[in-house]
């Protein structure tokens, strides 16, 4: 199963302060809008998202259909196929995608330690 691009989505209290901090660590913004309370930052192949007032806690994020530059891949595992595979292995999902639809969708699950995982397809 191909989960796509990986990032960590951080729930931040002050997006401007958090963005400035990560920029000091060498990250550069490549996506998002600070005025909308979300930005995506990159340092090499490492991607972090900063989200103010959108998530209650940090989230591990995978984006089927994207590479680490948020570019669309020619071939990828659709989130609904990933959903079916996970369900076949007995993993419980917190949120499911509508299998009757195509295109953008997301699913959510929680790992054994309580970490939230979002599989968020944008294409």
PDB file of N, CA and C in Angstrom:
ATOM      1  N   UNK A   1       0.850  -1.170   0.000  1.00  0.00           N
ATOM      2  CA  UNK A   1       0.000   0.000   0.000  1.00  0.00           C
ATOM      3  C   UNK A   1       0.896   1.233   0.000  1.00  0.00           C
ATOM      4  N   UNK A   2       0.609   2.145  -0.920  1.00  0.00           N
ATOM      5  CA  UNK A   2       1.377   3.389  -1.040  1.00  0.00           C
ATOM      6  C   UNK A   2       0.578   4.517  -0.392  1.00  0.00           C
ATOM      7  N   UNK A   3       1.116   5.083   0.695  1.00  0.00           N
ATOM      8  CA  UNK A   3       0.401   6.114   1.434  1.00  0.00           C
ATOM      9  C   UNK A   3       0.663   7.520   0.913  1.00  0.00           C
ATOM     10  N   UNK A   4       1.668   7.693   0.074  1.00  0.00           N
ATOM     11  CA  UNK A   4       1.956   9.012  -0.488  1.00  0.00           C
ATOM     12  C   UNK A   4       2.873   9.838   0.383  1.00  0.00           C
ATOM     13  N   UNK A   5       2.851  11.129   0.160  1.00  0.00           N
ATOM     14  CA  UNK A   5       3.733  12.060   0.866  1.00  0.00           C
ATOM     15  C   UNK A   5       3.468  12.007   2.363  1.00  0.00           C
ATOM     16  N   UNK A   6       4.524  12.163   3.148  1.00  0.00           N
ATOM     17  CA  UNK A   6       4.427  12.156   4.604  1.00  0.00           C
ATOM     18  C   UNK A   6       4.716  13.535   5.163  1.00  0.00           C
ATOM     19  N   UNK A   7       3.953  13.932   6.160  1.00  0.00           N
ATOM     20  CA  UNK A   7       4.240  15.147   6.910  1.00  0.00           C
ATOM     21  C   UNK A   7       3.665  15.001   8.308  1.00  0.00           C
ATOM     22  N   UNK A   8       4.092  15.868   9.162  1.00  0.00           N
ATOM     23  CA  UNK A   8       3.487  15.971  10.481  1.00  0.00           C
ATOM     24  C   UNK A   8       2.719  17.280  10.503  1.00  0.00           C
ATOM     25  N   UNK A   9       1.480  17.230  10.928  1.00  0.00           N
ATOM     26  CA  UNK A   9       0.631  18.414  11.024  1.00  0.00           C
ATOM     27  C   UNK A   9       0.605  18.840  12.481  1.00  0.00           C
ATOM     28  N   UNK A  10       1.168  20.013  12.755  1.00  0.00           N
ATOM     29  CA  UNK A  10       1.270  20.486  14.125  1.00  0.00           C
ATOM     30  C   UNK A  10       0.139  21.451  14.456  1.00  0.00           C
ATOM     31  N   UNK A  11      -0.537  21.183  15.553  1.00  0.00           N
ATOM     32  CA  UNK A  11      -1.569  22.088  16.057  1.00  0.00           C
ATOM     33  C   UNK A  11      -0.846  23.172  16.853  1.00  0.00           C
ATOM     34  N   UNK A  12      -0.826  24.395  16.323  1.00  0.00           N
ATOM     35  CA  UNK A  12      -0.056  25.473  16.947  1.00  0.00           C
ATOM     36  C   UNK A  12      -0.984  26.540  17.527  1.00  0.00           C
ATOM     37  N   UNK A  13      -0.482  27.251  18.524  1.00  0.00           N
ATOM     38  CA  UNK A  13      -1.262  28.313  19.161  1.00  0.00           C
ATOM     39  C   UNK A  13      -1.092  29.654  18.457  1.00  0.00           C
ATOM     40  N   UNK A  14       0.096  29.909  17.893  1.00  0.00           N
ATOM     41  CA  UNK A  14       0.388  31.184  17.229  1.00  0.00           C
ATOM     42  C   UNK A  14       1.137  30.871  15.943  1.00  0.00           C
ATOM     43  N   UNK A  15       0.434  30.876  14.831  1.00  0.00           N
ATOM     44  CA  UNK A  15       1.033  30.439  13.570  1.00  0.00           C
ATOM     45  C   UNK A  15       2.227  31.297  13.174  1.00  0.00           C
ATOM     46  N   UNK A  16       2.170  32.599  13.404  1.00  0.00           N
ATOM     47  CA  UNK A  16       3.285  33.470  13.033  1.00  0.00           C
ATOM     48  C   UNK A  16       4.534  33.124  13.846  1.00  0.00           C
ATOM     49  N   UNK A  17       4.375  32.916  15.137  1.00  0.00           N
ATOM     50  CA  UNK A  17       5.514  32.567  15.990  1.00  0.00           C
ATOM     51  C   UNK A  17       6.076  31.199  15.617  1.00  0.00           C
ATOM     52  N   UNK A  18       5.200  30.242  15.357  1.00  0.00           N
ATOM     53  CA  UNK A  18       5.651  28.897  14.997  1.00  0.00           C
ATOM     54  C   UNK A  18       6.354  28.904  13.644  1.00  0.00           C
ATOM     55  N   UNK A  19       5.795  29.640  12.685  1.00  0.00           N
ATOM     56  CA  UNK A  19       6.420  29.737  11.359  1.00  0.00           C
ATOM     57  C   UNK A  19       7.808  30.359  11.480  1.00  0.00           C
ATOM     58  N   UNK A  20       7.932  31.432  12.238  1.00  0.00           N
ATOM     59  CA  UNK A  20       9.239  32.078  12.425  1.00  0.00           C
ATOM     60  C   UNK A  20      10.232  31.129  13.079  1.00  0.00           C
ATOM     61  N   UNK A  21       9.781  30.351  14.056  1.00  0.00           N
ATOM     62  CA  UNK A  21      10.657  29.388  14.728  1.00  0.00           C
ATOM     63  C   UNK A  21      11.178  28.349  13.738  1.00  0.00           C
ATOM     64  N   UNK A  22      10.285  27.743  12.964  1.00  0.00           N
ATOM     65  CA  UNK A  22      10.715  26.700  12.033  1.00  0.00           C
ATOM     66  C   UNK A  22      11.547  27.265  10.888  1.00  0.00           C
ATOM     67  N   UNK A  23      11.321  28.505  10.517  1.00  0.00           N
ATOM     68  CA  UNK A  23      12.172  29.140   9.513  1.00  0.00           C
ATOM     69  C   UNK A  23      13.598  29.299  10.053  1.00  0.00           C
ATOM     70  N   UNK A  24      13.732  29.543  11.340  1.00  0.00           N
ATOM     71  CA  UNK A  24      15.065  29.614  11.942  1.00  0.00           C
ATOM     72  C   UNK A  24      15.766  28.260  11.913  1.00  0.00           C
ATOM     73  N   UNK A  25      14.994  27.181  11.827  1.00  0.00           N
ATOM     74  CA  UNK A  25      15.561  25.832  11.715  1.00  0.00           C
ATOM     75  C   UNK A  25      15.851  25.463  10.259  1.00  0.00           C
ATOM     76  N   UNK A  26      15.598  26.390   9.330  1.00  0.00           N
ATOM     77  CA  UNK A  26      15.902  26.152   7.928  1.00  0.00           C
ATOM     78  C   UNK A  26      14.717  25.742   7.072  1.00  0.00           C
ATOM     79  N   UNK A  27      13.513  25.742   7.631  1.00  0.00           N
ATOM     80  CA  UNK A  27      12.324  25.413   6.849  1.00  0.00           C
ATOM     81  C   UNK A  27      11.888  26.626   6.037  1.00  0.00           C
ATOM     82  N   UNK A  28      11.305  26.354   4.861  1.00  0.00           N
ATOM     83  CA  UNK A  28      10.777  27.406   4.002  1.00  0.00           C
ATOM     84  C   UNK A  28       9.340  27.072   3.628  1.00  0.00           C
ATOM     85  N   UNK A  29       8.486  28.092   3.604  1.00  0.00           N
ATOM     86  CA  UNK A  29       7.095  27.882   3.228  1.00  0.00           C
ATOM     87  C   UNK A  29       7.008  27.559   1.738  1.00  0.00           C
ATOM     88  N   UNK A  30       6.214  26.539   1.405  1.00  0.00           N
ATOM     89  CA  UNK A  30       5.995  26.212  -0.004  1.00  0.00           C
ATOM     90  C   UNK A  30       4.519  26.068  -0.353  1.00  0.00           C
ATOM     91  N   UNK A  31       3.645  26.147   0.645  1.00  0.00           N
ATOM     92  CA  UNK A  31       2.223  25.961   0.381  1.00  0.00           C
ATOM     93  C   UNK A  31       1.441  26.558   1.554  1.00  0.00           C
ATOM     94  N   UNK A  32       0.203  26.936   1.301  1.00  0.00           N
ATOM     95  CA  UNK A  32      -0.665  27.410   2.372  1.00  0.00           C
ATOM     96  C   UNK A  32      -0.717  28.915   2.485  1.00  0.00           C
ATOM     97  N   UNK A  33      -1.550  29.383   3.404  1.00  0.00           N
ATOM     98  CA  UNK A  33      -1.774  30.808   3.614  1.00  0.00           C
ATOM     99  C   UNK A  33      -1.774  31.103   5.106  1.00  0.00           C
ATOM    100  N   UNK A  34      -0.790  31.852   5.554  1.00  0.00           N
ATOM    101  CA  UNK A  34      -0.735  32.212   6.965  1.00  0.00           C
ATOM    102  C   UNK A  34      -2.008  32.933   7.400  1.00  0.00           C
ATOM    103  N   UNK A  35      -2.596  33.766   6.522  1.00  0.00           N
ATOM    104  CA  UNK A  35      -3.828  34.492   6.846  1.00  0.00           C
ATOM    105  C   UNK A  35      -5.017  33.549   7.044  1.00  0.00           C
ATOM    106  N   UNK A  36      -4.909  32.320   6.528  1.00  0.00           N
ATOM    107  CA  UNK A  36      -5.951  31.304   6.714  1.00  0.00           C
ATOM    108  C   UNK A  36      -5.596  30.340   7.842  1.00  0.00           C
ATOM    109  N   UNK A  37      -4.537  30.648   8.567  1.00  0.00           N
ATOM    110  CA  UNK A  37      -4.076  29.865   9.729  1.00  0.00           C
ATOM    111  C   UNK A  37      -3.509  28.494   9.380  1.00  0.00           C
ATOM    112  N   UNK A  38      -2.923  28.359   8.171  1.00  0.00           N
ATOM    113  CA  UNK A  38      -2.224  27.119   7.855  1.00  0.00           C
ATOM    114  C   UNK A  38      -1.131  27.395   6.832  1.00  0.00           C
ATOM    115  N   UNK A  39       0.000  26.738   7.037  1.00  0.00           N
ATOM    116  CA  UNK A  39       1.115  26.803   6.096  1.00  0.00           C
ATOM    117  C   UNK A  39       1.814  25.449   6.086  1.00  0.00           C
ATOM    118  N   UNK A  40       2.440  25.158   4.952  1.00  0.00           N
ATOM    119  CA  UNK A  40       3.263  23.959   4.818  1.00  0.00           C
ATOM    120  C   UNK A  40       4.705  24.431   4.634  1.00  0.00           C
ATOM    121  N   UNK A  41       5.602  23.838   5.399  1.00  0.00           N
ATOM    122  CA  UNK A  41       7.012  24.211   5.369  1.00  0.00           C
ATOM    123  C   UNK A  41       7.848  23.000   4.995  1.00  0.00           C
ATOM    124  N   UNK A  42       8.997  23.275   4.375  1.00  0.00           N
ATOM    125  CA  UNK A  42       9.840  22.190   3.896  1.00  0.00           C
ATOM    126  C   UNK A  42      11.299  22.495   4.198  1.00  0.00           C
ATOM    127  N   UNK A  43      12.023  21.470   4.587  1.00  0.00           N
ATOM    128  CA  UNK A  43      13.466  21.522   4.762  1.00  0.00           C
ATOM    129  C   UNK A  43      13.998  20.247   4.128  1.00  0.00           C
ATOM    130  N   UNK A  44      14.576  20.353   2.932  1.00  0.00           N
ATOM    131  CA  UNK A  44      14.951  19.142   2.192  1.00  0.00           C
ATOM    132  C   UNK A  44      13.684  18.386   1.830  1.00  0.00           C
ATOM    133  N   UNK A  45      13.623  17.113   2.170  1.00  0.00           N
ATOM    134  CA  UNK A  45      12.431  16.298   1.915  1.00  0.00           C
ATOM    135  C   UNK A  45      11.494  16.259   3.114  1.00  0.00           C
ATOM    136  N   UNK A  46      11.851  16.943   4.200  1.00  0.00           N
ATOM    137  CA  UNK A  46      11.043  16.942   5.419  1.00  0.00           C
ATOM    138  C   UNK A  46       9.962  18.008   5.317  1.00  0.00           C
ATOM    139  N   UNK A  47       8.716  17.604   5.563  1.00  0.00           N
ATOM    140  CA  UNK A  47       7.581  18.515   5.442  1.00  0.00           C
ATOM    141  C   UNK A  47       6.832  18.553   6.770  1.00  0.00           C
ATOM    142  N   UNK A  48       6.540  19.781   7.224  1.00  0.00           N
ATOM    143  CA  UNK A  48       5.668  19.963   8.383  1.00  0.00           C
ATOM    144  C   UNK A  48       4.578  20.949   8.000  1.00  0.00           C
ATOM    145  N   UNK A  49       3.408  20.738   8.558  1.00  0.00           N
ATOM    146  CA  UNK A  49       2.310  21.677   8.391  1.00  0.00           C
ATOM    147  C   UNK A  49       2.029  22.330   9.726  1.00  0.00           C
ATOM    148  N   UNK A  50       1.765  23.616   9.703  1.00  0.00           N
ATOM    149  CA  UNK A  50       1.381  24.350  10.906  1.00  0.00           C
ATOM    150  C   UNK A  50      -0.075  24.751  10.751  1.00  0.00           C
ATOM    151  N   UNK A  51      -0.897  24.383  11.728  1.00  0.00           N
ATOM    152  CA  UNK A  51      -2.334  24.618  11.656  1.00  0.00           C
ATOM    153  C   UNK A  51      -2.811  25.227  12.971  1.00  0.00           C
ATOM    154  N   UNK A  52      -3.292  26.459  12.902  1.00  0.00           N
ATOM    155  CA  UNK A  52      -3.800  27.134  14.086  1.00  0.00           C
ATOM    156  C   UNK A  52      -5.316  26.999  14.132  1.00  0.00           C
ATOM    157  N   UNK A  53      -5.832  26.499  15.242  1.00  0.00           N
ATOM    158  CA  UNK A  53      -7.283  26.369  15.480  1.00  0.00           C
ATOM    159  C   UNK A  53      -7.972  25.426  14.496  1.00  0.00           C
ATOM    160  N   UNK A  54      -7.257  24.425  13.989  1.00  0.00           N
ATOM    161  CA  UNK A  54      -7.871  23.466  13.067  1.00  0.00           C
ATOM    162  C   UNK A  54      -7.906  22.053  13.620  1.00  0.00           C
ATOM    163  N   UNK A  55      -6.915  21.692  14.411  1.00  0.00           N
ATOM    164  CA  UNK A  55      -6.831  20.351  14.989  1.00  0.00           C
ATOM    165  C   UNK A  55      -6.634  20.474  16.501  1.00  0.00           C
ATOM    166  N   UNK A  56      -7.193  19.553  17.274  1.00  0.00           N
ATOM    167  CA  UNK A  56      -6.987  19.610  18.721  1.00  0.00           C
ATOM    168  C   UNK A  56      -5.593  19.141  19.148  1.00  0.00           C
ATOM    169  N   UNK A  57      -4.920  18.383  18.286  1.00  0.00           N
ATOM    170  CA  UNK A  57      -3.596  17.841  18.617  1.00  0.00           C
ATOM    171  C   UNK A  57      -2.823  17.607  17.322  1.00  0.00           C
ATOM    172  N   UNK A  58      -1.551  17.256  17.450  1.00  0.00           N
ATOM    173  CA  UNK A  58      -0.721  16.964  16.283  1.00  0.00           C
ATOM    174  C   UNK A  58      -1.255  15.738  15.554  1.00  0.00           C
ATOM    175  N   UNK A  59      -1.043  15.695  14.233  1.00  0.00           N
ATOM    176  CA  UNK A  59      -1.569  14.613  13.406  1.00  0.00           C
ATOM    177  C   UNK A  59      -0.480  14.136  12.451  1.00  0.00           C
ATOM    178  N   UNK A  60      -0.309  12.829  12.360  1.00  0.00           N
ATOM    179  CA  UNK A  60       0.558  12.233  11.348  1.00  0.00           C
ATOM    180  C   UNK A  60      -0.250  12.223  10.046  1.00  0.00           C
ATOM    181  N   UNK A  61       0.325  12.768   8.973  1.00  0.00           N
ATOM    182  CA  UNK A  61      -0.441  12.937   7.744  1.00  0.00           C
ATOM    183  C   UNK A  61       0.244  12.255   6.555  1.00  0.00           C
ATOM    184  N   UNK A  62      -0.549  11.565   5.753  1.00  0.00           N
ATOM    185  CA  UNK A  62      -0.108  10.983   4.492  1.00  0.00           C
ATOM    186  C   UNK A  62      -1.024  11.521   3.395  1.00  0.00           C
ATOM    187  N   UNK A  63      -0.446  11.795   2.233  1.00  0.00           N
ATOM    188  CA  UNK A  63      -1.222  12.317   1.104  1.00  0.00           C
ATOM    189  C   UNK A  63      -1.063  11.429  -0.122  1.00  0.00           C
ATOM    190  N   UNK A  64      -1.968  10.448  -0.302  1.00  0.00           N
ATOM    191  CA  UNK A  64      -1.922   9.642  -1.518  1.00  0.00           C
ATOM    192  C   UNK A  64      -2.048  10.535  -2.748  1.00  0.00           C
ATOM    193  N   UNK A  65      -1.261  10.240  -3.763  1.00  0.00           N
ATOM    194  CA  UNK A  65      -1.328  11.008  -5.001  1.00  0.00           C
ATOM    195  C   UNK A  65      -0.350  12.152  -5.065  1.00  0.00           C
ATOM    196  N   UNK A  66       0.362  12.416  -3.978  1.00  0.00           N
ATOM    197  CA  UNK A  66       1.356  13.497  -3.952  1.00  0.00           C
ATOM    198  C   UNK A  66       2.735  12.955  -3.616  1.00  0.00           C
ATOM    199  N   UNK A  67       3.753  13.614  -4.190  1.00  0.00           N
ATOM    200  CA  UNK A  67       5.119  13.365  -3.735  1.00  0.00           C
ATOM    201  C   UNK A  67       5.435  14.384  -2.636  1.00  0.00           C
ATOM    202  N   UNK A  68       6.661  14.396  -2.136  1.00  0.00           N
ATOM    203  CA  UNK A  68       7.034  15.280  -1.026  1.00  0.00           C
ATOM    204  C   UNK A  68       7.021  16.764  -1.408  1.00  0.00           C
ATOM    205  N   UNK A  69       6.885  17.068  -2.698  1.00  0.00           N
ATOM    206  CA  UNK A  69       6.797  18.458  -3.147  1.00  0.00           C
ATOM    207  C   UNK A  69       5.346  18.879  -3.392  1.00  0.00           C
ATOM    208  N   UNK A  70       4.400  18.033  -2.995  1.00  0.00           N
ATOM    209  CA  UNK A  70       2.965  18.261  -3.213  1.00  0.00           C
ATOM    210  C   UNK A  70       2.639  18.312  -4.695  1.00  0.00           C
ATOM    211  N   UNK A  71       3.386  17.545  -5.476  1.00  0.00           N
ATOM    212  CA  UNK A  71       3.122  17.412  -6.912  1.00  0.00           C
ATOM    213  C   UNK A  71       2.342  16.122  -7.137  1.00  0.00           C
ATOM    214  N   UNK A  72       1.403  16.169  -8.060  1.00  0.00           N
ATOM    215  CA  UNK A  72       0.567  15.015  -8.342  1.00  0.00           C
ATOM    216  C   UNK A  72       1.361  13.909  -9.018  1.00  0.00           C
ATOM    217  N   UNK A  73       1.184  12.702  -8.516  1.00  0.00           N
ATOM    218  CA  UNK A  73       1.827  11.519  -9.085  1.00  0.00           C
ATOM    219  C   UNK A  73       0.970  10.952 -10.215  1.00  0.00           C
ATOM    220  N   UNK A  74       1.622  10.331 -11.193  1.00  0.00           N
ATOM    221  CA  UNK A  74       0.893   9.695 -12.296  1.00  0.00           C
ATOM    222  C   UNK A  74       0.134   8.468 -11.823  1.00  0.00           C
ATOM    223  N   UNK A  75       0.718   7.750 -10.874  1.00  0.00           N
ATOM    224  CA  UNK A  75       0.126   6.515 -10.378  1.00  0.00           C
ATOM    225  C   UNK A  75       0.192   6.511  -8.849  1.00  0.00           C
ATOM    226  N   UNK A  76      -0.918   6.148  -8.212  1.00  0.00           N
ATOM    227  CA  UNK A  76      -0.943   6.092  -6.752  1.00  0.00           C
ATOM    228  C   UNK A  76      -2.109   5.231  -6.288  1.00  0.00           C
ATOM    229  N   UNK A  77      -2.058   4.817  -5.036  1.00  0.00           N
ATOM    230  CA  UNK A  77      -3.152   4.055  -4.437  1.00  0.00           C
ATOM    231  C   UNK A  77      -4.210   5.035  -3.943  1.00  0.00           C
ATOM    232  N   UNK A  78      -5.408   4.922  -4.461  1.00  0.00           N
ATOM    233  CA  UNK A  78      -6.504   5.787  -4.053  1.00  0.00           C
ATOM    234  C   UNK A  78      -6.839   5.555  -2.585  1.00  0.00           C
ATOM    235  N   UNK A  79      -7.248   6.613  -1.902  1.00  0.00           N
ATOM    236  CA  UNK A  79      -7.554   6.523  -0.477  1.00  0.00           C
ATOM    237  C   UNK A  79      -8.639   5.481  -0.189  1.00  0.00           C
ATOM    238  N   UNK A  80      -9.564   5.282  -1.128  1.00  0.00           N
ATOM    239  CA  UNK A  80     -10.606   4.278  -0.917  1.00  0.00           C
ATOM    240  C   UNK A  80     -10.041   2.859  -0.986  1.00  0.00           C
ATOM    241  N   UNK A  81      -9.016   2.635  -1.825  1.00  0.00           N
ATOM    242  CA  UNK A  81      -8.347   1.335  -1.871  1.00  0.00           C
ATOM    243  C   UNK A  81      -7.543   1.123  -0.586  1.00  0.00           C
ATOM    244  N   UNK A  82      -6.909   2.167  -0.107  1.00  0.00           N
ATOM    245  CA  UNK A  82      -6.182   2.084   1.171  1.00  0.00           C
ATOM    246  C   UNK A  82      -7.162   1.760   2.288  1.00  0.00           C
ATOM    247  N   UNK A  83      -8.297   2.424   2.279  1.00  0.00           N
ATOM    248  CA  UNK A  83      -9.331   2.169   3.277  1.00  0.00           C
ATOM    249  C   UNK A  83      -9.750   0.704   3.278  1.00  0.00           C
ATOM    250  N   UNK A  84      -9.997   0.159   2.104  1.00  0.00           N
ATOM    251  CA  UNK A  84     -10.407  -1.249   2.000  1.00  0.00           C
ATOM    252  C   UNK A  84      -9.316  -2.174   2.531  1.00  0.00           C
ATOM    253  N   UNK A  85      -8.067  -1.900   2.197  1.00  0.00           N
ATOM    254  CA  UNK A  85      -6.958  -2.721   2.684  1.00  0.00           C
ATOM    255  C   UNK A  85      -6.859  -2.681   4.202  1.00  0.00           C
ATOM    256  N   UNK A  86      -6.994  -1.483   4.769  1.00  0.00           N
ATOM    257  CA  UNK A  86      -6.915  -1.354   6.227  1.00  0.00           C
ATOM    258  C   UNK A  86      -8.056  -2.105   6.910  1.00  0.00           C
ATOM    259  N   UNK A  87      -9.251  -1.951   6.374  1.00  0.00           N
ATOM    260  CA  UNK A  87     -10.396  -2.647   6.948  1.00  0.00           C
ATOM    261  C   UNK A  87     -10.238  -4.162   6.834  1.00  0.00           C
ATOM    262  N   UNK A  88      -9.664  -4.631   5.717  1.00  0.00           N
ATOM    263  CA  UNK A  88      -9.430  -6.064   5.534  1.00  0.00           C
ATOM    264  C   UNK A  88      -8.472  -6.630   6.576  1.00  0.00           C
ATOM    265  N   UNK A  89      -7.551  -5.792   7.053  1.00  0.00           N
ATOM    266  CA  UNK A  89      -6.601  -6.251   8.078  1.00  0.00           C
ATOM    267  C   UNK A  89      -7.152  -6.084   9.491  1.00  0.00           C
ATOM    268  N   UNK A  90      -8.373  -5.548   9.613  1.00  0.00           N
ATOM    269  CA  UNK A  90      -8.996  -5.413  10.929  1.00  0.00           C
ATOM    270  C   UNK A  90      -8.735  -4.090  11.628  1.00  0.00           C
ATOM    271  N   UNK A  91      -8.152  -3.137  10.925  1.00  0.00           N
ATOM    272  CA  UNK A  91      -7.916  -1.821  11.530  1.00  0.00           C
ATOM    273  C   UNK A  91      -9.220  -1.029  11.538  1.00  0.00           C
ATOM    274  N   UNK A  92      -9.540  -0.489  12.700  1.00  0.00           N
ATOM    275  CA  UNK A  92     -10.739   0.340  12.831  1.00  0.00           C
ATOM    276  C   UNK A  92     -10.436   1.758  12.372  1.00  0.00           C
ATOM    277  N   UNK A  93     -11.337   2.313  11.606  1.00  0.00           N
ATOM    278  CA  UNK A  93     -11.188   3.685  11.121  1.00  0.00           C
ATOM    279  C   UNK A  93     -12.090   4.610  11.920  1.00  0.00           C
ATOM    280  N   UNK A  94     -11.567   5.800  12.227  1.00  0.00           N
ATOM    281  CA  UNK A  94     -12.356   6.816  12.925  1.00  0.00           C
ATOM    282  C   UNK A  94     -13.252   7.566  11.951  1.00  0.00           C
ATOM    283  N   UNK A  95     -12.796   7.664  10.712  1.00  0.00           N
ATOM    284  CA  UNK A  95     -13.568   8.322   9.650  1.00  0.00           C
ATOM    285  C   UNK A  95     -13.284   7.587   8.343  1.00  0.00           C
ATOM    286  N   UNK A  96     -14.338   7.338   7.575  1.00  0.00           N
ATOM    287  CA  UNK A  96     -14.193   6.633   6.309  1.00  0.00           C
ATOM    288  C   UNK A  96     -14.553   7.541   5.141  1.00  0.00           C
ATOM    289  N   UNK A  97     -13.951   7.245   3.994  1.00  0.00           N
ATOM    290  CA  UNK A  97     -14.284   7.926   2.746  1.00  0.00           C
ATOM    291  C   UNK A  97     -15.487   7.228   2.114  1.00  0.00           C
ATOM    292  N   UNK A  98     -16.264   7.971   1.366  1.00  0.00           N
ATOM    293  CA  UNK A  98     -17.413   7.412   0.655  1.00  0.00           C
ATOM    294  C   UNK A  98     -16.898   6.644  -0.561  1.00  0.00           C
ATOM    295  N   UNK A  99     -17.093   5.344  -0.570  1.00  0.00           N
ATOM    296  CA  UNK A  99     -16.561   4.507  -1.652  1.00  0.00           C
ATOM    297  C   UNK A  99     -17.300   4.708  -2.973  1.00  0.00           C
ATOM    298  N   UNK A 100     -18.422   5.417  -2.951  1.00  0.00           N
ATOM    299  CA  UNK A 100     -19.176   5.680  -4.181  1.00  0.00           C
ATOM    300  C   UNK A 100     -18.622   6.875  -4.940  1.00  0.00           C
ATOM    301  N   UNK A 101     -17.703   7.619  -4.316  1.00  0.00           N
ATOM    302  CA  UNK A 101     -17.149   8.816  -4.933  1.00  0.00           C
ATOM    303  C   UNK A 101     -15.735   8.559  -5.438  1.00  0.00           C
ATOM    304  N   UNK A 102     -15.217   9.505  -6.211  1.00  0.00           N
ATOM    305  CA  UNK A 102     -13.832   9.471  -6.665  1.00  0.00           C
ATOM    306  C   UNK A 102     -13.194  10.816  -6.347  1.00  0.00           C
ATOM    307  N   UNK A 103     -11.888  10.883  -6.486  1.00  0.00           N
ATOM    308  CA  UNK A 103     -11.187  12.140  -6.266  1.00  0.00           C
ATOM    309  C   UNK A 103     -10.860  12.387  -4.805  1.00  0.00           C
ATOM    310  N   UNK A 104     -10.762  13.657  -4.425  1.00  0.00           N
ATOM    311  CA  UNK A 104     -10.344  14.005  -3.072  1.00  0.00           C
ATOM    312  C   UNK A 104     -11.229  13.374  -1.995  1.00  0.00           C
ATOM    313  N   UNK A 105     -10.579  12.873  -0.964  1.00  0.00           N
ATOM    314  CA  UNK A 105     -11.272  12.270   0.183  1.00  0.00           C
ATOM    315  C   UNK A 105     -10.234  12.007   1.258  1.00  0.00           C
ATOM    316  N   UNK A 106     -10.712  11.717   2.446  1.00  0.00           N
ATOM    317  CA  UNK A 106      -9.774  11.387   3.514  1.00  0.00           C
ATOM    318  C   UNK A 106     -10.372  10.356   4.461  1.00  0.00           C
ATOM    319  N   UNK A 107      -9.466   9.674   5.136  1.00  0.00           N
ATOM    320  CA  UNK A 107      -9.834   8.749   6.199  1.00  0.00           C
ATOM    321  C   UNK A 107      -8.979   9.090   7.418  1.00  0.00           C
ATOM    322  N   UNK A 108      -9.442   8.677   8.576  1.00  0.00           N
ATOM    323  CA  UNK A 108      -8.696   8.934   9.807  1.00  0.00           C
ATOM    324  C   UNK A 108      -8.703   7.684  10.670  1.00  0.00           C
ATOM    325  N   UNK A 109      -7.617   7.492  11.381  1.00  0.00           N
ATOM    326  CA  UNK A 109      -7.488   6.378  12.301  1.00  0.00           C
ATOM    327  C   UNK A 109      -6.581   6.788  13.453  1.00  0.00           C
ATOM    328  N   UNK A 110      -6.538   5.951  14.464  1.00  0.00           N
ATOM    329  CA  UNK A 110      -5.720   6.218  15.642  1.00  0.00           C
ATOM    330  C   UNK A 110      -4.824   5.018  15.882  1.00  0.00           C
ATOM    331  N   UNK A 111      -3.532   5.289  16.106  1.00  0.00           N
ATOM    332  CA  UNK A 111      -2.615   4.175  16.358  1.00  0.00           C
ATOM    333  C   UNK A 111      -2.768   3.687  17.804  1.00  0.00           C
ATOM    334  N   UNK A 112      -2.135   2.567  18.169  1.00  0.00           N
ATOM    335  CA  UNK A 112      -2.313   2.002  19.511  1.00  0.00           C
ATOM    336  C   UNK A 112      -1.922   2.944  20.659  1.00  0.00           C
ATOM    337  N   UNK A 113      -1.109   3.954  20.372  1.00  0.00           N
ATOM    338  CA  UNK A 113      -0.689   4.890  21.414  1.00  0.00           C
ATOM    339  C   UNK A 113      -1.526   6.166  21.440  1.00  0.00           C
ATOM    340  N   UNK A 114      -2.588   6.216  20.639  1.00  0.00           N
ATOM    341  CA  UNK A 114      -3.478   7.370  20.637  1.00  0.00           C
ATOM    342  C   UNK A 114      -3.101   8.471  19.669  1.00  0.00           C
ATOM    343  N   UNK A 115      -2.104   8.228  18.806  1.00  0.00           N
ATOM    344  CA  UNK A 115      -1.707   9.224  17.807  1.00  0.00           C
ATOM    345  C   UNK A 115      -2.693   9.217  16.644  1.00  0.00           C
ATOM    346  N   UNK A 116      -3.137  10.404  16.256  1.00  0.00           N
ATOM    347  CA  UNK A 116      -4.064  10.528  15.140  1.00  0.00           C
ATOM    348  C   UNK A 116      -3.306  10.428  13.824  1.00  0.00           C
ATOM    349  N   UNK A 117      -3.891   9.701  12.879  1.00  0.00           N
ATOM    350  CA  UNK A 117      -3.333   9.557  11.539  1.00  0.00           C
ATOM    351  C   UNK A 117      -4.406   9.979  10.536  1.00  0.00           C
ATOM    352  N   UNK A 118      -4.016  10.883   9.652  1.00  0.00           N
ATOM    353  CA  UNK A 118      -4.914  11.360   8.601  1.00  0.00           C
ATOM    354  C   UNK A 118      -4.325  10.926   7.259  1.00  0.00           C
ATOM    355  N   UNK A 119      -5.134  10.239   6.465  1.00  0.00           N
ATOM    356  CA  UNK A 119      -4.742   9.896   5.093  1.00  0.00           C
ATOM    357  C   UNK A 119      -5.649  10.745   4.214  1.00  0.00           C
ATOM    358  N   UNK A 120      -5.050  11.803   3.656  1.00  0.00           N
ATOM    359  CA  UNK A 120      -5.794  12.912   3.057  1.00  0.00           C
ATOM    360  C   UNK A 120      -5.400  13.055   1.593  1.00  0.00           C
ATOM    361  N   UNK A 121      -6.268  12.582   0.710  1.00  0.00           N
ATOM    362  CA  UNK A 121      -6.011  12.628  -0.734  1.00  0.00           C
ATOM    363  C   UNK A 121      -6.611  13.902  -1.313  1.00  0.00           C
ATOM    364  N   UNK A 122      -5.788  14.678  -2.014  1.00  0.00           N
ATOM    365  CA  UNK A 122      -6.233  15.946  -2.594  1.00  0.00           C
ATOM    366  C   UNK A 122      -6.513  15.859  -4.093  1.00  0.00           C
ATOM    367  N   UNK A 123      -6.209  14.731  -4.727  1.00  0.00           N
ATOM    368  CA  UNK A 123      -6.370  14.608  -6.179  1.00  0.00           C
ATOM    369  C   UNK A 123      -7.407  13.546  -6.521  1.00  0.00           C
TER     370      UNK A 123
END
